[in-house]
């Protein structure tokens, strides 16, 4: 992973934030991602989330879970080629971009207009085409399309949204489809995953370590398969 280089400004109602470019290698290819901040290890994350004066929108940040999920997708190339993919909380868009580059049909969603703008920009920077982008709020969800994969990175952070996520998983997962969620072992996330297993979902788990310097951030990637009816 190379050092970030300065890029354009991100214009928001909270002010203008300088974007930076992060180049990182995933699946044997180098990717260029614009972001408002890059969280590349645990120390950086701790400083970012505990700073009361930090004005940066979380959706414009490149998080460890996004990088881990992109790596997981890259090593599952044959499982994504030709498949339909719904990305929740897409943020800067790396996992969906990698999936699309492997031949998946990807819909990237986020409730934040700025995040959708970054997804579109990062698709263009990496010459990845055919990705659909939608603003979408989990609490006002209207999509009834069924997808082979539903993916998300660090989307389990709010207990109050777990019911909405479960509803999306039930409504939008195609028969035989799977959910792939990257999460940095947050306690609140474990509650939803345990509830899904108790309801009959099957779970598999892999572990990634993100960060070349400082204190690397461990990230779990959970593959969830719905109960067999």
Protein backbone atom coordinates (compact mmCIF):
# COMPACT_ATOMS: atom_id res chain seq x y z
CA UNK A 1 0.00 0.00 0.00
CA UNK A 2 1.49 3.32 -1.05
CA UNK A 3 1.37 6.59 0.83
CA UNK A 4 -1.69 8.75 0.06
CA UNK A 5 -1.27 11.65 -2.33
CA UNK A 6 -3.38 14.79 -2.33
CA UNK A 7 -6.38 15.02 -4.67
CA UNK A 8 -9.46 17.30 -5.05
CA UNK A 9 -11.80 18.70 -2.41
CA UNK A 10 -14.95 17.05 -1.11
CA UNK A 11 -17.63 19.75 -0.83
CA UNK A 12 -20.16 19.23 1.98
CA UNK A 13 -22.53 21.34 4.06
CA UNK A 14 -20.08 20.91 6.94
CA UNK A 15 -17.25 22.38 4.89
CA UNK A 16 -14.75 21.42 2.22
CA UNK A 17 -12.50 18.47 2.97
CA UNK A 18 -9.35 17.64 1.02
CA UNK A 19 -9.51 14.21 -0.55
CA UNK A 20 -6.50 11.96 -0.78
CA UNK A 21 -5.63 9.08 -3.04
CA UNK A 22 -4.72 5.71 -1.56
CA UNK A 23 -3.18 3.09 -3.82
CA UNK A 24 -3.46 -0.47 -2.61
CA UNK A 25 -3.05 -3.89 -4.14
CA UNK A 26 -5.98 -6.32 -3.96
CA UNK A 27 -6.28 -9.49 -5.99
CA UNK A 28 -3.08 -8.85 -7.92
CA UNK A 29 -4.24 -5.44 -9.15
CA UNK A 30 -3.46 -1.96 -7.88
CA UNK A 31 -6.48 0.18 -7.07
CA UNK A 32 -6.72 3.95 -6.69
CA UNK A 33 -9.23 5.13 -4.07
CA UNK A 34 -10.19 8.70 -3.24
CA UNK A 35 -11.20 9.22 0.39
CA UNK A 36 -11.48 11.90 3.06
CA UNK A 37 -9.39 9.83 5.48
CA UNK A 38 -7.83 6.36 5.47
CA UNK A 39 -8.05 4.19 8.59
CA UNK A 40 -5.22 1.73 8.05
CA UNK A 41 -4.66 0.36 11.56
CA UNK A 42 -6.25 0.26 15.02
CA UNK A 43 -4.33 3.26 16.35
CA UNK A 44 -5.58 5.50 13.52
CA UNK A 45 -9.15 4.30 14.05
CA UNK A 46 -9.04 4.93 17.80
CA UNK A 47 -7.88 8.51 17.25
CA UNK A 48 -10.46 9.10 14.54
CA UNK A 49 -13.56 7.86 16.39
CA UNK A 50 -12.68 9.43 19.75
CA UNK A 51 -11.94 12.91 18.39
CA UNK A 52 -14.97 15.05 19.34
CA UNK A 53 -13.97 17.74 16.85
CA UNK A 54 -13.64 15.42 13.87
CA UNK A 55 -16.05 16.72 11.19
CA UNK A 56 -15.36 14.10 8.53
CA UNK A 57 -18.36 12.11 7.26
CA UNK A 58 -17.82 8.43 8.06
CA UNK A 59 -19.09 7.40 4.63
CA UNK A 60 -16.20 9.19 2.93
CA UNK A 61 -13.58 7.30 4.96
CA UNK A 62 -11.68 4.21 3.80
CA UNK A 63 -12.14 1.72 6.67
CA UNK A 64 -10.24 -1.51 7.47
CA UNK A 65 -13.39 -3.62 7.02
CA UNK A 66 -13.77 -2.35 3.45
CA UNK A 67 -10.22 -3.37 2.61
CA UNK A 68 -10.68 -6.80 4.23
CA UNK A 69 -13.94 -7.42 2.36
CA UNK A 70 -12.29 -6.47 -0.94
CA UNK A 71 -9.52 -9.02 -0.29
CA UNK A 72 -12.10 -11.69 0.59
CA UNK A 73 -14.03 -11.05 -2.62
CA UNK A 74 -10.85 -11.15 -4.69
CA UNK A 75 -9.94 -14.64 -3.47
CA UNK A 76 -13.50 -15.82 -4.28
CA UNK A 77 -13.33 -14.72 -7.93
CA UNK A 78 -15.22 -17.74 -9.31
CA UNK A 79 -18.02 -17.26 -6.77
CA UNK A 80 -18.65 -13.67 -7.90
CA UNK A 81 -18.19 -13.92 -11.65
CA UNK A 82 -21.56 -13.42 -13.36
CA UNK A 83 -23.41 -13.02 -10.04
CA UNK A 84 -25.63 -10.19 -8.85
CA UNK A 85 -24.37 -8.23 -5.85
CA UNK A 86 -26.02 -5.70 -3.54
CA UNK A 87 -23.56 -3.62 -1.51
CA UNK A 88 -24.95 -1.97 1.62
CA UNK A 89 -23.29 1.12 3.08
CA UNK A 90 -20.86 1.24 0.19
CA UNK A 91 -18.83 4.23 1.42
CA UNK A 92 -15.80 4.68 -0.84
CA UNK A 93 -16.90 1.60 -2.79
CA UNK A 94 -13.85 -0.67 -2.82
CA UNK A 95 -15.54 -4.09 -2.27
CA UNK A 96 -18.21 -3.53 -4.92
CA UNK A 97 -15.63 -2.19 -7.36
CA UNK A 98 -13.51 -5.32 -6.92
CA UNK A 99 -16.60 -7.53 -7.35
CA UNK A 100 -17.56 -5.71 -10.55
CA UNK A 101 -14.03 -6.10 -11.92
CA UNK A 102 -14.43 -9.87 -11.49
CA UNK A 103 -17.57 -9.88 -13.64
CA UNK A 104 -20.30 -9.39 -11.04
CA UNK A 105 -23.36 -7.19 -11.62
CA UNK A 106 -23.15 -4.75 -8.72
CA UNK A 107 -25.59 -2.30 -7.16
CA UNK A 108 -23.85 0.00 -4.67
CA UNK A 109 -26.09 1.72 -2.11
CA UNK A 110 -25.52 4.24 0.65
CA UNK A 111 -27.82 6.73 2.38
CA UNK A 112 -25.12 9.40 2.06
CA UNK A 113 -25.09 11.29 -1.24
CA UNK A 114 -21.39 12.06 -0.75
CA UNK A 115 -20.56 8.38 -0.44
CA UNK A 116 -22.43 7.59 -3.65
CA UNK A 117 -20.49 10.38 -5.37
CA UNK A 118 -17.22 8.83 -4.16
CA UNK A 119 -18.31 5.38 -5.34
CA UNK A 120 -19.02 6.76 -8.81
CA UNK A 121 -15.72 8.65 -8.86
CA UNK A 122 -13.72 5.64 -7.71
CA UNK A 123 -15.39 3.38 -10.28
CA UNK A 124 -14.33 5.82 -12.99
CA UNK A 125 -10.76 6.15 -11.61
CA UNK A 126 -10.35 2.39 -11.81
CA UNK A 127 -12.11 2.01 -15.18
CA UNK A 128 -14.77 -0.26 -13.70
CA UNK A 129 -18.05 0.04 -15.56
CA UNK A 130 -21.57 -1.32 -15.27
CA UNK A 131 -22.03 -0.56 -11.55
CA UNK A 132 -25.39 0.93 -10.55
CA UNK A 133 -25.44 3.51 -7.75
CA UNK A 134 -28.44 4.32 -5.54
CA UNK A 135 -29.08 6.45 -2.51
CA UNK A 136 -30.95 4.19 -0.10
CA UNK A 137 -31.88 4.30 3.58
CA UNK A 138 -32.30 0.98 5.38
CA UNK A 139 -35.20 2.41 7.38
CA UNK A 140 -37.07 3.30 4.16
CA UNK A 141 -36.06 0.36 2.02
CA UNK A 142 -38.05 -0.22 -1.18
CA UNK A 143 -35.88 -2.54 -3.28
CA UNK A 144 -37.43 -5.99 -3.79
CA UNK A 145 -34.81 -7.31 -6.23
CA UNK A 146 -33.14 -10.56 -5.18
CA UNK A 147 -29.35 -10.82 -5.33
CA UNK A 148 -26.90 -13.72 -5.25
CA UNK A 149 -24.73 -11.80 -2.78
CA UNK A 150 -25.46 -9.10 -0.23
CA UNK A 151 -22.20 -7.56 0.97
CA UNK A 152 -21.33 -4.93 3.56
CA UNK A 153 -18.30 -3.66 5.44
CA UNK A 154 -18.70 -2.39 9.02
CA UNK A 155 -22.48 -2.06 8.63
CA UNK A 156 -23.47 -3.74 11.92
CA UNK A 157 -22.40 -0.82 14.15
CA UNK A 158 -25.91 0.26 15.29
CA UNK A 159 -28.12 -2.11 17.26
CA UNK A 160 -31.15 0.03 16.36
CA UNK A 161 -30.69 -0.89 12.69
CA UNK A 162 -30.36 -4.65 13.10
CA UNK A 163 -34.04 -5.33 12.44
CA UNK A 164 -33.83 -3.39 9.18
CA UNK A 165 -30.74 -5.35 8.10
CA UNK A 166 -32.38 -8.68 8.89
CA UNK A 167 -35.37 -7.60 6.80
CA UNK A 168 -33.13 -6.71 3.85
CA UNK A 169 -31.33 -10.05 4.10
CA UNK A 170 -34.67 -11.90 4.03
CA UNK A 171 -36.22 -9.77 1.28
CA UNK A 172 -33.31 -9.36 -1.09
CA UNK A 173 -31.35 -12.59 -0.94
CA UNK A 174 -31.96 -14.90 -3.90
CA UNK A 175 -32.46 -18.65 -3.36
CA UNK A 176 -29.04 -20.10 -2.70
CA UNK A 177 -27.64 -16.62 -2.08
CA UNK A 178 -25.28 -15.61 0.68
CA UNK A 179 -24.45 -12.60 2.84
CA UNK A 180 -20.82 -11.53 3.21
CA UNK A 181 -20.11 -9.08 6.04
CA UNK A 182 -16.77 -7.65 7.15
CA UNK A 183 -16.62 -6.41 10.73
CA UNK A 184 -13.74 -5.46 13.06
CA UNK A 185 -15.04 -7.64 15.90
CA UNK A 186 -17.39 -5.02 17.35
CA UNK A 187 -19.41 -6.28 20.32
CA UNK A 188 -22.65 -4.84 18.96
CA UNK A 189 -22.14 -6.75 15.71
CA UNK A 190 -21.82 -10.06 17.49
CA UNK A 191 -25.36 -9.75 18.84
CA UNK A 192 -26.91 -9.69 15.37
CA UNK A 193 -24.73 -12.54 14.11
CA UNK A 194 -25.59 -14.70 17.13
CA UNK A 195 -29.30 -13.98 16.67
CA UNK A 196 -29.10 -15.00 13.01
CA UNK A 197 -27.36 -18.28 13.91
CA UNK A 198 -30.01 -18.98 16.55
CA UNK A 199 -32.63 -18.42 13.82
CA UNK A 200 -31.02 -21.11 11.67
CA UNK A 201 -28.53 -19.18 9.57
CA UNK A 202 -25.25 -20.98 8.89
CA UNK A 203 -22.07 -19.00 9.49
CA UNK A 204 -18.48 -19.30 8.33
CA UNK A 205 -15.69 -16.99 9.37
CA UNK A 206 -12.33 -15.83 8.04
CA UNK A 207 -9.91 -13.33 9.55
CA UNK A 208 -7.86 -10.56 7.98
CA UNK A 209 -5.30 -8.21 9.50
CA UNK A 210 -5.28 -4.70 8.02
CA UNK A 211 -2.35 -2.32 8.50
CA UNK A 212 1.30 -2.59 7.55
CA UNK A 213 2.50 -0.31 10.36
CA UNK A 214 1.30 0.64 13.83
CA UNK A 215 -1.21 -1.68 15.45
CA UNK A 216 -2.86 -3.81 12.70
CA UNK A 217 -6.67 -3.99 12.79
CA UNK A 218 -8.12 -7.51 12.89
CA UNK A 219 -11.23 -7.83 10.74
CA UNK A 220 -13.60 -10.76 10.53
CA UNK A 221 -15.44 -11.65 7.33
CA UNK A 222 -18.61 -13.62 8.00
CA UNK A 223 -20.34 -15.64 5.31
CA UNK A 224 -23.98 -16.16 6.27
CA UNK A 225 -26.29 -18.63 4.53
CA UNK A 226 -30.04 -18.58 5.26
CA UNK A 227 -31.91 -21.45 6.88
CA UNK A 228 -32.81 -24.34 4.59
CA UNK A 229 -36.57 -24.38 4.19
